[in-house]
């Protein structure tokens, strides 16, 4: 497989950026495609972490306003897990620890890497590293976020079973939290044994 970028033009630069890309690529049947024009939303590298207490079987979830749900949901506040962008000079583990403290007020004792994936590769460059962060959930919960980032985040603690039921009920309807929680459901017994 091969591709050739013919032209890439910046369309918008703000909180995010958008480019118009003209390209062609090889075809499975052989030869090359005609030139295609696509818009590419630049998001960069991100991290998500589900804080989990293997002793109590609880997770920390966060709820916040999300512009992407505007117009689709009557109330565009989503139930998610801690997440944030990787800044220059940071590694994903540093971001997981920083964001857990900023968004949920919790310190992570140990990080377990779940995986790395593209979130919406049909038009966005975002690639996210997902972690499970072991923590003590007994004192967790409250209002968090950074004023300078206009964050207003509510952190709450629920059992993993309740969080999984929220996926089924559509209360959790964002893919990254669903992926992390389902991984946790498959691995909770191993985590419980490892920390016993």
N, C-alpha and C. Protein backbone atom coordinates (compact mmCIF):
# COMPACT_ATOMS: atom_id res chain seq x y z
N UNK A 1 0.84 -1.19 0.00
CA UNK A 1 0.00 0.00 0.00
C UNK A 1 0.88 1.25 0.00
N UNK A 2 0.50 2.23 -0.77
CA UNK A 2 1.26 3.48 -0.85
C UNK A 2 0.29 4.63 -1.06
N UNK A 3 0.74 5.83 -0.74
CA UNK A 3 -0.06 7.03 -0.98
C UNK A 3 0.85 8.18 -1.34
N UNK A 4 0.26 9.20 -1.93
CA UNK A 4 1.01 10.40 -2.30
C UNK A 4 0.16 11.61 -1.97
N UNK A 5 0.70 12.51 -1.14
CA UNK A 5 0.02 13.77 -0.84
C UNK A 5 0.37 14.75 -1.95
N UNK A 6 -0.66 15.22 -2.64
CA UNK A 6 -0.47 16.15 -3.74
C UNK A 6 -0.39 17.58 -3.20
N UNK A 7 -1.26 17.87 -2.25
CA UNK A 7 -1.32 19.22 -1.68
C UNK A 7 -1.99 19.16 -0.32
N UNK A 8 -1.47 19.93 0.64
CA UNK A 8 -2.09 20.05 1.95
C UNK A 8 -2.19 21.53 2.30
N UNK A 9 -3.43 21.99 2.51
CA UNK A 9 -3.68 23.41 2.73
C UNK A 9 -4.32 23.65 4.10
N UNK A 10 -3.74 24.50 4.93
CA UNK A 10 -4.39 24.84 6.20
C UNK A 10 -5.71 25.56 5.93
N UNK A 11 -6.76 25.14 6.59
CA UNK A 11 -8.08 25.76 6.43
C UNK A 11 -8.43 26.59 7.66
N UNK A 12 -8.06 26.08 8.84
CA UNK A 12 -8.40 26.76 10.09
C UNK A 12 -7.37 26.42 11.15
N UNK A 13 -7.00 27.40 11.95
CA UNK A 13 -6.12 27.20 13.10
C UNK A 13 -6.74 27.93 14.29
N UNK A 14 -7.06 27.18 15.32
CA UNK A 14 -7.65 27.72 16.54
C UNK A 14 -7.36 26.75 17.67
N UNK A 15 -8.36 26.47 18.51
CA UNK A 15 -8.20 25.47 19.57
C UNK A 15 -7.75 24.15 18.94
N UNK A 16 -8.32 23.82 17.79
CA UNK A 16 -7.89 22.71 16.96
C UNK A 16 -7.52 23.28 15.60
N UNK A 17 -7.04 22.44 14.70
CA UNK A 17 -6.78 22.92 13.35
C UNK A 17 -7.36 21.94 12.34
N UNK A 18 -7.57 22.46 11.14
CA UNK A 18 -8.18 21.69 10.07
C UNK A 18 -7.39 21.95 8.79
N UNK A 19 -7.10 20.88 8.06
CA UNK A 19 -6.41 21.00 6.78
C UNK A 19 -7.25 20.34 5.69
N UNK A 20 -7.09 20.84 4.48
CA UNK A 20 -7.67 20.19 3.30
C UNK A 20 -6.51 19.47 2.61
N UNK A 21 -6.67 18.16 2.41
CA UNK A 21 -5.61 17.34 1.84
C UNK A 21 -6.07 16.77 0.51
N UNK A 22 -5.23 16.96 -0.50
CA UNK A 22 -5.48 16.35 -1.81
C UNK A 22 -4.44 15.25 -1.96
N UNK A 23 -4.91 14.01 -2.22
CA UNK A 23 -4.00 12.88 -2.26
C UNK A 23 -4.51 11.80 -3.20
N UNK A 24 -3.67 10.81 -3.43
CA UNK A 24 -4.09 9.60 -4.13
C UNK A 24 -3.40 8.43 -3.45
N UNK A 25 -3.98 7.23 -3.60
CA UNK A 25 -3.41 6.06 -2.96
C UNK A 25 -3.59 4.84 -3.86
N UNK A 26 -2.80 3.81 -3.58
CA UNK A 26 -2.91 2.58 -4.35
C UNK A 26 -4.24 1.89 -4.03
N UNK A 27 -4.72 1.11 -4.98
CA UNK A 27 -5.99 0.39 -4.85
C UNK A 27 -5.73 -1.09 -4.61
N UNK A 28 -6.61 -1.74 -3.89
CA UNK A 28 -6.47 -3.18 -3.63
C UNK A 28 -6.48 -3.97 -4.94
N UNK A 29 -7.24 -3.51 -5.92
CA UNK A 29 -7.32 -4.20 -7.21
C UNK A 29 -6.13 -3.88 -8.12
N UNK A 30 -5.25 -2.98 -7.66
CA UNK A 30 -4.10 -2.58 -8.46
C UNK A 30 -4.26 -1.17 -9.00
N UNK A 31 -3.14 -0.53 -9.28
CA UNK A 31 -3.17 0.83 -9.81
C UNK A 31 -3.36 1.86 -8.70
N UNK A 32 -3.69 3.09 -9.14
CA UNK A 32 -3.83 4.21 -8.21
C UNK A 32 -5.24 4.78 -8.29
N UNK A 33 -5.69 5.36 -7.18
CA UNK A 33 -6.97 6.07 -7.15
C UNK A 33 -6.85 7.37 -7.92
N UNK A 34 -7.99 7.94 -8.27
CA UNK A 34 -8.00 9.31 -8.77
C UNK A 34 -7.67 10.22 -7.58
N UNK A 35 -7.23 11.45 -7.82
CA UNK A 35 -6.98 12.35 -6.69
C UNK A 35 -8.25 12.55 -5.85
N UNK A 36 -8.09 12.45 -4.53
CA UNK A 36 -9.18 12.63 -3.57
C UNK A 36 -8.93 13.90 -2.77
N UNK A 37 -10.00 14.55 -2.34
CA UNK A 37 -9.88 15.69 -1.44
C UNK A 37 -10.58 15.34 -0.14
N UNK A 38 -9.87 15.47 0.96
CA UNK A 38 -10.41 15.17 2.29
C UNK A 38 -10.02 16.28 3.25
N UNK A 39 -10.88 16.53 4.25
CA UNK A 39 -10.53 17.43 5.33
C UNK A 39 -9.98 16.58 6.48
N UNK A 40 -8.92 17.08 7.12
CA UNK A 40 -8.29 16.37 8.24
C UNK A 40 -8.30 17.28 9.46
N UNK A 41 -8.97 16.81 10.49
CA UNK A 41 -9.05 17.50 11.77
C UNK A 41 -7.85 17.04 12.60
N UNK A 42 -6.98 17.99 12.97
CA UNK A 42 -5.76 17.66 13.70
C UNK A 42 -6.02 17.72 15.20
N UNK A 43 -5.85 16.59 15.86
CA UNK A 43 -6.09 16.50 17.30
C UNK A 43 -4.84 16.07 18.04
N UNK A 44 -4.00 15.28 17.42
CA UNK A 44 -2.75 14.88 18.05
C UNK A 44 -2.90 13.72 19.01
N UNK A 45 -1.95 13.62 19.94
CA UNK A 45 -1.90 12.51 20.89
C UNK A 45 -2.67 12.86 22.15
N UNK A 46 -3.41 11.89 22.66
CA UNK A 46 -4.20 12.08 23.88
C UNK A 46 -4.06 10.85 24.76
N UNK A 47 -4.53 10.99 25.98
CA UNK A 47 -4.48 9.92 26.96
C UNK A 47 -5.83 9.86 27.66
N UNK A 48 -6.27 8.64 27.97
CA UNK A 48 -7.46 8.44 28.81
C UNK A 48 -7.10 7.42 29.87
N UNK A 49 -7.67 7.60 31.06
CA UNK A 49 -7.39 6.66 32.15
C UNK A 49 -8.66 6.45 32.96
N UNK A 50 -8.95 5.18 33.25
CA UNK A 50 -10.06 4.86 34.13
C UNK A 50 -9.47 4.54 35.51
N UNK A 51 -9.69 5.42 36.50
CA UNK A 51 -9.22 5.13 37.86
C UNK A 51 -10.07 4.01 38.46
N UNK A 52 -9.41 3.00 39.00
CA UNK A 52 -10.09 1.80 39.49
C UNK A 52 -9.51 1.37 40.84
N UNK A 53 -10.40 1.03 41.74
CA UNK A 53 -10.02 0.53 43.06
C UNK A 53 -10.30 -0.97 43.08
N UNK A 54 -9.27 -1.81 42.97
CA UNK A 54 -9.51 -3.25 42.92
C UNK A 54 -10.00 -3.83 44.26
N UNK A 55 -9.83 -3.10 45.34
CA UNK A 55 -10.30 -3.56 46.65
C UNK A 55 -11.81 -3.41 46.76
N UNK A 56 -12.33 -2.23 46.38
CA UNK A 56 -13.76 -1.97 46.48
C UNK A 56 -14.53 -2.29 45.20
N UNK A 57 -13.80 -2.47 44.09
CA UNK A 57 -14.46 -2.73 42.81
C UNK A 57 -15.13 -1.49 42.22
N UNK A 58 -14.65 -0.31 42.61
CA UNK A 58 -15.24 0.95 42.13
C UNK A 58 -14.35 1.64 41.11
N UNK A 59 -14.99 2.43 40.26
CA UNK A 59 -14.29 3.27 39.30
C UNK A 59 -14.67 4.73 39.55
N UNK A 60 -13.80 5.63 39.10
CA UNK A 60 -14.12 7.06 39.13
C UNK A 60 -14.46 7.47 37.72
N UNK A 61 -15.66 8.02 37.55
CA UNK A 61 -16.09 8.56 36.27
C UNK A 61 -16.18 10.06 36.39
N UNK A 62 -16.13 10.75 35.26
CA UNK A 62 -16.30 12.20 35.26
C UNK A 62 -17.43 12.58 34.32
N UNK A 63 -18.07 13.68 34.65
CA UNK A 63 -19.16 14.20 33.82
C UNK A 63 -18.85 15.65 33.49
N UNK A 64 -18.98 15.99 32.19
CA UNK A 64 -18.72 17.36 31.77
C UNK A 64 -19.44 17.67 30.47
N UNK A 65 -19.60 18.96 30.21
CA UNK A 65 -20.20 19.43 28.95
C UNK A 65 -19.28 19.07 27.80
N UNK A 66 -19.87 18.56 26.69
CA UNK A 66 -19.09 18.18 25.52
C UNK A 66 -19.73 18.77 24.27
N UNK A 67 -18.99 19.63 23.58
CA UNK A 67 -19.49 20.32 22.40
C UNK A 67 -19.87 19.34 21.29
N UNK A 68 -19.21 18.20 21.22
CA UNK A 68 -19.51 17.23 20.18
C UNK A 68 -20.90 16.63 20.29
N UNK A 69 -21.51 16.69 21.46
CA UNK A 69 -22.87 16.16 21.66
C UNK A 69 -23.94 17.23 21.49
N UNK A 70 -23.51 18.48 21.27
CA UNK A 70 -24.45 19.59 21.11
C UNK A 70 -25.33 19.36 19.88
N UNK A 71 -26.61 19.49 20.06
CA UNK A 71 -27.55 19.32 18.95
C UNK A 71 -28.01 17.89 18.78
N UNK A 72 -27.28 16.93 19.36
CA UNK A 72 -27.66 15.53 19.25
C UNK A 72 -28.37 15.06 20.51
N UNK A 73 -27.87 15.51 21.65
CA UNK A 73 -28.47 15.14 22.94
C UNK A 73 -29.16 16.36 23.53
N UNK A 74 -30.32 16.18 24.15
CA UNK A 74 -30.98 17.32 24.78
C UNK A 74 -30.12 17.98 25.85
N UNK A 75 -29.32 17.17 26.55
CA UNK A 75 -28.42 17.66 27.59
C UNK A 75 -27.02 17.15 27.23
N UNK A 76 -26.15 17.99 26.65
CA UNK A 76 -24.87 17.51 26.14
C UNK A 76 -23.75 17.39 27.19
N UNK A 77 -24.08 16.80 28.33
CA UNK A 77 -23.07 16.46 29.33
C UNK A 77 -22.85 14.96 29.22
N UNK A 78 -21.59 14.54 29.08
CA UNK A 78 -21.29 13.13 28.90
C UNK A 78 -20.62 12.55 30.14
N UNK A 79 -20.90 11.28 30.38
CA UNK A 79 -20.24 10.52 31.43
C UNK A 79 -19.03 9.85 30.79
N UNK A 80 -17.85 10.19 31.29
CA UNK A 80 -16.62 9.74 30.64
C UNK A 80 -15.60 9.29 31.67
N UNK A 81 -14.37 9.05 31.20
CA UNK A 81 -13.25 8.80 32.09
C UNK A 81 -12.27 9.95 31.93
N UNK A 82 -11.34 10.04 32.83
CA UNK A 82 -10.32 11.09 32.82
C UNK A 82 -9.56 11.05 31.49
N UNK A 83 -9.31 12.22 30.90
CA UNK A 83 -8.58 12.26 29.63
C UNK A 83 -7.94 13.63 29.43
N UNK A 84 -6.94 13.67 28.57
CA UNK A 84 -6.30 14.94 28.25
C UNK A 84 -5.29 14.79 27.14
N UNK A 85 -4.83 15.91 26.64
CA UNK A 85 -3.88 15.94 25.52
C UNK A 85 -2.45 15.83 26.02
N UNK A 86 -1.63 15.18 25.21
CA UNK A 86 -0.20 15.08 25.50
C UNK A 86 0.45 16.37 25.00
N UNK A 87 1.05 17.10 25.92
CA UNK A 87 1.74 18.35 25.57
C UNK A 87 3.19 18.03 25.19
N UNK A 88 3.84 19.00 24.57
CA UNK A 88 5.23 18.84 24.14
C UNK A 88 6.11 18.46 25.34
N UNK A 89 6.92 17.43 25.19
CA UNK A 89 7.83 17.00 26.24
C UNK A 89 7.23 16.03 27.25
N UNK A 90 5.95 15.74 27.14
CA UNK A 90 5.30 14.81 28.08
C UNK A 90 5.23 13.41 27.48
N UNK A 91 5.17 12.43 28.35
CA UNK A 91 4.87 11.07 27.90
C UNK A 91 3.46 10.73 28.37
N UNK A 92 2.83 9.71 27.80
CA UNK A 92 1.45 9.38 28.15
C UNK A 92 1.24 9.10 29.64
N UNK A 93 2.21 8.46 30.28
CA UNK A 93 2.09 8.17 31.71
C UNK A 93 2.02 9.45 32.54
N UNK A 94 2.85 10.44 32.20
CA UNK A 94 2.81 11.73 32.91
C UNK A 94 1.43 12.37 32.77
N UNK A 95 0.87 12.32 31.57
CA UNK A 95 -0.44 12.92 31.31
C UNK A 95 -1.52 12.21 32.12
N UNK A 96 -1.46 10.88 32.19
CA UNK A 96 -2.45 10.12 32.96
C UNK A 96 -2.45 10.56 34.42
N UNK A 97 -1.27 10.69 35.00
CA UNK A 97 -1.17 11.12 36.41
C UNK A 97 -1.67 12.56 36.58
N UNK A 98 -1.24 13.44 35.68
CA UNK A 98 -1.64 14.85 35.77
C UNK A 98 -3.14 15.02 35.64
N UNK A 99 -3.73 14.39 34.64
CA UNK A 99 -5.16 14.56 34.39
C UNK A 99 -6.02 13.91 35.48
N UNK A 100 -5.57 12.79 36.04
CA UNK A 100 -6.32 12.16 37.13
C UNK A 100 -6.43 13.12 38.32
N UNK A 101 -5.36 13.83 38.59
CA UNK A 101 -5.37 14.80 39.69
C UNK A 101 -6.22 16.02 39.35
N UNK A 102 -6.07 16.56 38.12
CA UNK A 102 -6.81 17.77 37.71
C UNK A 102 -8.30 17.52 37.56
N UNK A 103 -8.69 16.37 36.99
CA UNK A 103 -10.09 16.14 36.65
C UNK A 103 -10.87 15.35 37.69
N UNK A 104 -10.16 14.57 38.52
CA UNK A 104 -10.87 13.72 39.48
C UNK A 104 -10.30 13.82 40.89
N UNK A 105 -9.24 14.59 41.07
CA UNK A 105 -8.67 14.76 42.40
C UNK A 105 -8.07 13.49 42.97
N UNK A 106 -7.66 12.56 42.12
CA UNK A 106 -7.12 11.30 42.66
C UNK A 106 -5.68 11.08 42.21
N UNK A 107 -4.96 10.41 43.07
CA UNK A 107 -3.59 10.02 42.77
C UNK A 107 -3.60 8.54 42.37
N UNK A 108 -2.89 8.25 41.30
CA UNK A 108 -2.83 6.88 40.79
C UNK A 108 -1.60 6.17 41.35
N UNK A 109 -1.82 4.99 41.92
CA UNK A 109 -0.72 4.22 42.50
C UNK A 109 0.05 3.45 41.43
N UNK A 110 -0.67 2.98 40.42
CA UNK A 110 -0.05 2.16 39.37
C UNK A 110 -0.85 2.32 38.09
N UNK A 111 -0.14 2.38 36.97
CA UNK A 111 -0.78 2.47 35.66
C UNK A 111 -0.63 1.16 34.91
N UNK A 112 -1.72 0.72 34.28
CA UNK A 112 -1.69 -0.46 33.43
C UNK A 112 -2.14 -0.01 32.05
N UNK A 113 -1.29 -0.22 31.06
CA UNK A 113 -1.61 0.21 29.70
C UNK A 113 -2.63 -0.74 29.08
N UNK A 114 -3.78 -0.21 28.68
CA UNK A 114 -4.81 -1.00 28.02
C UNK A 114 -4.51 -1.11 26.53
N UNK A 115 -4.14 0.00 25.91
CA UNK A 115 -3.83 -0.03 24.49
C UNK A 115 -3.79 1.36 23.91
N UNK A 116 -3.65 1.42 22.60
CA UNK A 116 -3.55 2.68 21.87
C UNK A 116 -4.41 2.55 20.62
N UNK A 117 -5.20 3.58 20.33
CA UNK A 117 -6.10 3.47 19.18
C UNK A 117 -6.44 4.84 18.61
N UNK A 118 -6.83 4.83 17.34
CA UNK A 118 -7.38 6.03 16.71
C UNK A 118 -8.86 6.11 17.11
N UNK A 119 -9.35 7.31 17.38
CA UNK A 119 -10.74 7.44 17.81
C UNK A 119 -11.70 7.57 16.63
N UNK A 120 -11.38 8.42 15.66
CA UNK A 120 -12.24 8.61 14.49
C UNK A 120 -11.36 8.84 13.27
N UNK A 121 -10.69 7.79 12.76
CA UNK A 121 -9.70 7.96 11.70
C UNK A 121 -10.27 8.33 10.34
N UNK A 122 -11.58 8.37 10.20
CA UNK A 122 -12.16 8.79 8.93
C UNK A 122 -11.94 10.26 8.64
N UNK A 123 -11.56 11.04 9.63
CA UNK A 123 -11.33 12.46 9.39
C UNK A 123 -10.55 13.17 10.48
N UNK A 124 -10.08 12.42 11.48
CA UNK A 124 -9.39 13.04 12.62
C UNK A 124 -8.10 12.28 12.92
N UNK A 125 -7.03 13.01 13.24
CA UNK A 125 -5.73 12.40 13.50
C UNK A 125 -5.57 11.92 14.94
N UNK A 126 -6.55 12.14 15.81
CA UNK A 126 -6.40 11.80 17.23
C UNK A 126 -6.06 10.33 17.43
N UNK A 127 -4.99 10.11 18.21
CA UNK A 127 -4.61 8.77 18.64
C UNK A 127 -4.50 8.82 20.15
N UNK A 128 -5.13 7.86 20.81
CA UNK A 128 -5.25 7.92 22.26
C UNK A 128 -4.65 6.69 22.90
N UNK A 129 -3.89 6.90 23.97
CA UNK A 129 -3.36 5.82 24.79
C UNK A 129 -4.29 5.69 25.99
N UNK A 130 -4.78 4.46 26.22
CA UNK A 130 -5.76 4.23 27.27
C UNK A 130 -5.11 3.42 28.40
N UNK A 131 -5.34 3.87 29.62
CA UNK A 131 -4.79 3.22 30.80
C UNK A 131 -5.89 2.87 31.80
N UNK A 132 -5.58 1.92 32.65
CA UNK A 132 -6.31 1.70 33.89
C UNK A 132 -5.37 2.19 34.98
N UNK A 133 -5.85 3.04 35.87
CA UNK A 133 -5.02 3.56 36.94
C UNK A 133 -5.53 3.05 38.28
N UNK A 134 -4.72 2.27 38.97
CA UNK A 134 -5.14 1.74 40.26
C UNK A 134 -5.05 2.83 41.31
N UNK A 135 -6.10 2.94 42.10
CA UNK A 135 -6.19 4.02 43.09
C UNK A 135 -7.09 3.59 44.23
N UNK A 136 -7.18 4.42 45.24
CA UNK A 136 -8.09 4.22 46.37
C UNK A 136 -9.29 5.13 46.14
N UNK A 137 -10.46 4.56 45.92
CA UNK A 137 -11.66 5.35 45.59
C UNK A 137 -12.49 5.75 46.81
N UNK A 138 -12.07 5.38 48.01
CA UNK A 138 -12.93 5.59 49.18
C UNK A 138 -13.27 7.06 49.44
N UNK A 139 -12.37 7.96 49.13
CA UNK A 139 -12.60 9.38 49.39
C UNK A 139 -12.87 10.17 48.12
N UNK A 140 -13.06 9.49 47.00
CA UNK A 140 -13.14 10.16 45.70
C UNK A 140 -14.50 10.83 45.47
N UNK A 141 -14.48 11.82 44.59
CA UNK A 141 -15.69 12.52 44.19
C UNK A 141 -15.54 14.01 44.43
N UNK A 142 -16.36 14.80 43.73
CA UNK A 142 -16.34 16.24 43.90
C UNK A 142 -16.31 16.97 42.57
N UNK A 143 -16.08 18.28 42.65
CA UNK A 143 -16.03 19.14 41.47
C UNK A 143 -14.57 19.51 41.22
N UNK A 144 -14.13 19.32 39.96
CA UNK A 144 -12.73 19.54 39.61
C UNK A 144 -12.63 20.25 38.26
N UNK A 145 -11.39 20.40 37.79
CA UNK A 145 -11.12 21.06 36.51
C UNK A 145 -10.33 22.33 36.72
N UNK A 146 -9.68 22.76 35.65
CA UNK A 146 -8.86 23.97 35.70
C UNK A 146 -9.65 25.16 35.17
N UNK A 147 -9.66 26.25 35.94
CA UNK A 147 -10.35 27.47 35.49
C UNK A 147 -9.77 28.00 34.19
N UNK A 148 -8.44 27.95 34.05
CA UNK A 148 -7.81 28.49 32.85
C UNK A 148 -8.13 27.67 31.60
N UNK A 149 -8.64 26.46 31.78
CA UNK A 149 -9.08 25.64 30.64
C UNK A 149 -10.60 25.57 30.56
N UNK A 150 -11.28 26.43 31.35
CA UNK A 150 -12.75 26.49 31.38
C UNK A 150 -13.37 25.12 31.64
N UNK A 151 -12.75 24.36 32.54
CA UNK A 151 -13.25 23.03 32.86
C UNK A 151 -14.19 23.09 34.06
N UNK A 152 -15.28 22.39 33.97
CA UNK A 152 -16.24 22.22 35.05
C UNK A 152 -16.59 20.74 35.06
N UNK A 153 -15.92 20.00 35.93
CA UNK A 153 -15.98 18.54 35.88
C UNK A 153 -16.47 18.00 37.22
N UNK A 154 -17.45 17.10 37.14
CA UNK A 154 -17.94 16.42 38.33
C UNK A 154 -17.39 15.00 38.31
N UNK A 155 -16.68 14.63 39.37
CA UNK A 155 -16.16 13.27 39.50
C UNK A 155 -17.07 12.51 40.46
N UNK A 156 -17.37 11.26 40.10
CA UNK A 156 -18.20 10.44 40.97
C UNK A 156 -17.67 9.02 40.97
N UNK A 157 -17.93 8.32 42.05
CA UNK A 157 -17.49 6.95 42.21
C UNK A 157 -18.68 6.03 42.12
N UNK A 158 -18.56 5.01 41.27
CA UNK A 158 -19.61 4.00 41.12
C UNK A 158 -18.95 2.63 41.03
N UNK A 159 -19.71 1.59 41.29
CA UNK A 159 -19.17 0.24 41.13
C UNK A 159 -18.93 -0.02 39.65
N UNK A 160 -17.98 -0.90 39.36
CA UNK A 160 -17.74 -1.26 37.97
C UNK A 160 -19.00 -1.85 37.35
N UNK A 161 -19.74 -2.65 38.11
CA UNK A 161 -20.97 -3.23 37.58
C UNK A 161 -21.99 -2.16 37.20
N UNK A 162 -22.10 -1.11 38.01
CA UNK A 162 -23.02 -0.03 37.68
C UNK A 162 -22.56 0.71 36.42
N UNK A 163 -21.26 0.96 36.32
CA UNK A 163 -20.72 1.63 35.12
C UNK A 163 -21.00 0.80 33.87
N UNK A 164 -20.85 -0.52 33.96
CA UNK A 164 -21.13 -1.39 32.81
C UNK A 164 -22.62 -1.35 32.46
N UNK A 165 -23.48 -1.30 33.47
CA UNK A 165 -24.93 -1.18 33.21
C UNK A 165 -25.23 0.15 32.54
N UNK A 166 -24.47 1.21 32.86
CA UNK A 166 -24.67 2.52 32.24
C UNK A 166 -24.31 2.48 30.76
N UNK A 167 -23.36 1.63 30.37
CA UNK A 167 -23.06 1.47 28.95
C UNK A 167 -24.28 0.87 28.26
N UNK A 168 -24.82 -0.20 28.82
CA UNK A 168 -26.00 -0.86 28.25
C UNK A 168 -27.19 0.07 28.16
N UNK A 169 -27.33 0.96 29.16
CA UNK A 169 -28.47 1.88 29.21
C UNK A 169 -28.27 3.12 28.35
N UNK A 170 -27.06 3.32 27.80
CA UNK A 170 -26.79 4.50 27.00
C UNK A 170 -26.42 5.73 27.81
N UNK A 171 -26.26 5.57 29.12
CA UNK A 171 -25.83 6.70 29.96
C UNK A 171 -24.37 7.02 29.65
N UNK A 172 -23.56 5.98 29.48
CA UNK A 172 -22.20 6.15 28.98
C UNK A 172 -22.27 5.85 27.49
N UNK A 173 -22.11 6.89 26.67
CA UNK A 173 -22.25 6.72 25.22
C UNK A 173 -21.07 7.29 24.44
N UNK A 174 -19.93 7.32 25.09
CA UNK A 174 -18.68 7.72 24.46
C UNK A 174 -17.79 6.47 24.36
N UNK A 175 -17.14 6.26 23.24
CA UNK A 175 -16.48 4.98 22.96
C UNK A 175 -15.27 4.71 23.85
N UNK A 176 -14.47 5.71 24.17
CA UNK A 176 -13.26 5.45 24.96
C UNK A 176 -13.61 4.97 26.38
N UNK A 177 -14.55 5.62 27.09
CA UNK A 177 -14.95 5.05 28.39
C UNK A 177 -15.50 3.63 28.26
N UNK A 178 -16.30 3.39 27.22
CA UNK A 178 -16.86 2.04 27.04
C UNK A 178 -15.75 1.02 26.84
N UNK A 179 -14.76 1.35 26.01
CA UNK A 179 -13.64 0.44 25.77
C UNK A 179 -12.89 0.15 27.07
N UNK A 180 -12.55 1.20 27.83
CA UNK A 180 -11.78 1.03 29.06
C UNK A 180 -12.56 0.22 30.10
N UNK A 181 -13.84 0.50 30.24
CA UNK A 181 -14.65 -0.21 31.23
C UNK A 181 -14.85 -1.67 30.84
N UNK A 182 -15.00 -1.94 29.56
CA UNK A 182 -15.15 -3.33 29.13
C UNK A 182 -13.84 -4.10 29.30
N UNK A 183 -12.70 -3.45 29.07
CA UNK A 183 -11.41 -4.08 29.35
C UNK A 183 -11.33 -4.41 30.83
N UNK A 184 -11.74 -3.45 31.65
CA UNK A 184 -11.70 -3.64 33.10
C UNK A 184 -12.59 -4.81 33.53
N UNK A 185 -13.76 -4.93 32.91
CA UNK A 185 -14.66 -6.06 33.23
C UNK A 185 -13.98 -7.39 32.93
N UNK A 186 -13.20 -7.45 31.84
CA UNK A 186 -12.52 -8.68 31.46
C UNK A 186 -11.31 -8.98 32.34
N UNK A 187 -10.76 -7.95 32.99
CA UNK A 187 -9.50 -8.10 33.74
C UNK A 187 -9.62 -7.86 35.23
N UNK A 188 -10.81 -7.59 35.74
CA UNK A 188 -10.93 -7.22 37.15
C UNK A 188 -10.49 -8.31 38.11
N UNK A 189 -10.77 -9.56 37.78
CA UNK A 189 -10.38 -10.65 38.69
C UNK A 189 -8.86 -10.75 38.79
N UNK A 190 -8.19 -10.62 37.66
CA UNK A 190 -6.72 -10.64 37.66
C UNK A 190 -6.17 -9.47 38.47
N UNK A 191 -6.76 -8.27 38.30
CA UNK A 191 -6.30 -7.11 39.06
C UNK A 191 -6.54 -7.28 40.55
N UNK A 192 -7.69 -7.86 40.90
CA UNK A 192 -8.01 -8.09 42.32
C UNK A 192 -6.99 -9.05 42.93
N UNK A 193 -6.65 -10.11 42.20
CA UNK A 193 -5.67 -11.09 42.70
C UNK A 193 -4.28 -10.49 42.79
N UNK A 194 -3.91 -9.65 41.82
CA UNK A 194 -2.58 -9.02 41.82
C UNK A 194 -2.39 -8.07 43.00
N UNK A 195 -3.47 -7.49 43.49
CA UNK A 195 -3.36 -6.49 44.56
C UNK A 195 -3.77 -7.04 45.92
N UNK A 196 -4.16 -8.31 45.97
CA UNK A 196 -4.59 -8.91 47.24
C UNK A 196 -3.42 -9.14 48.18
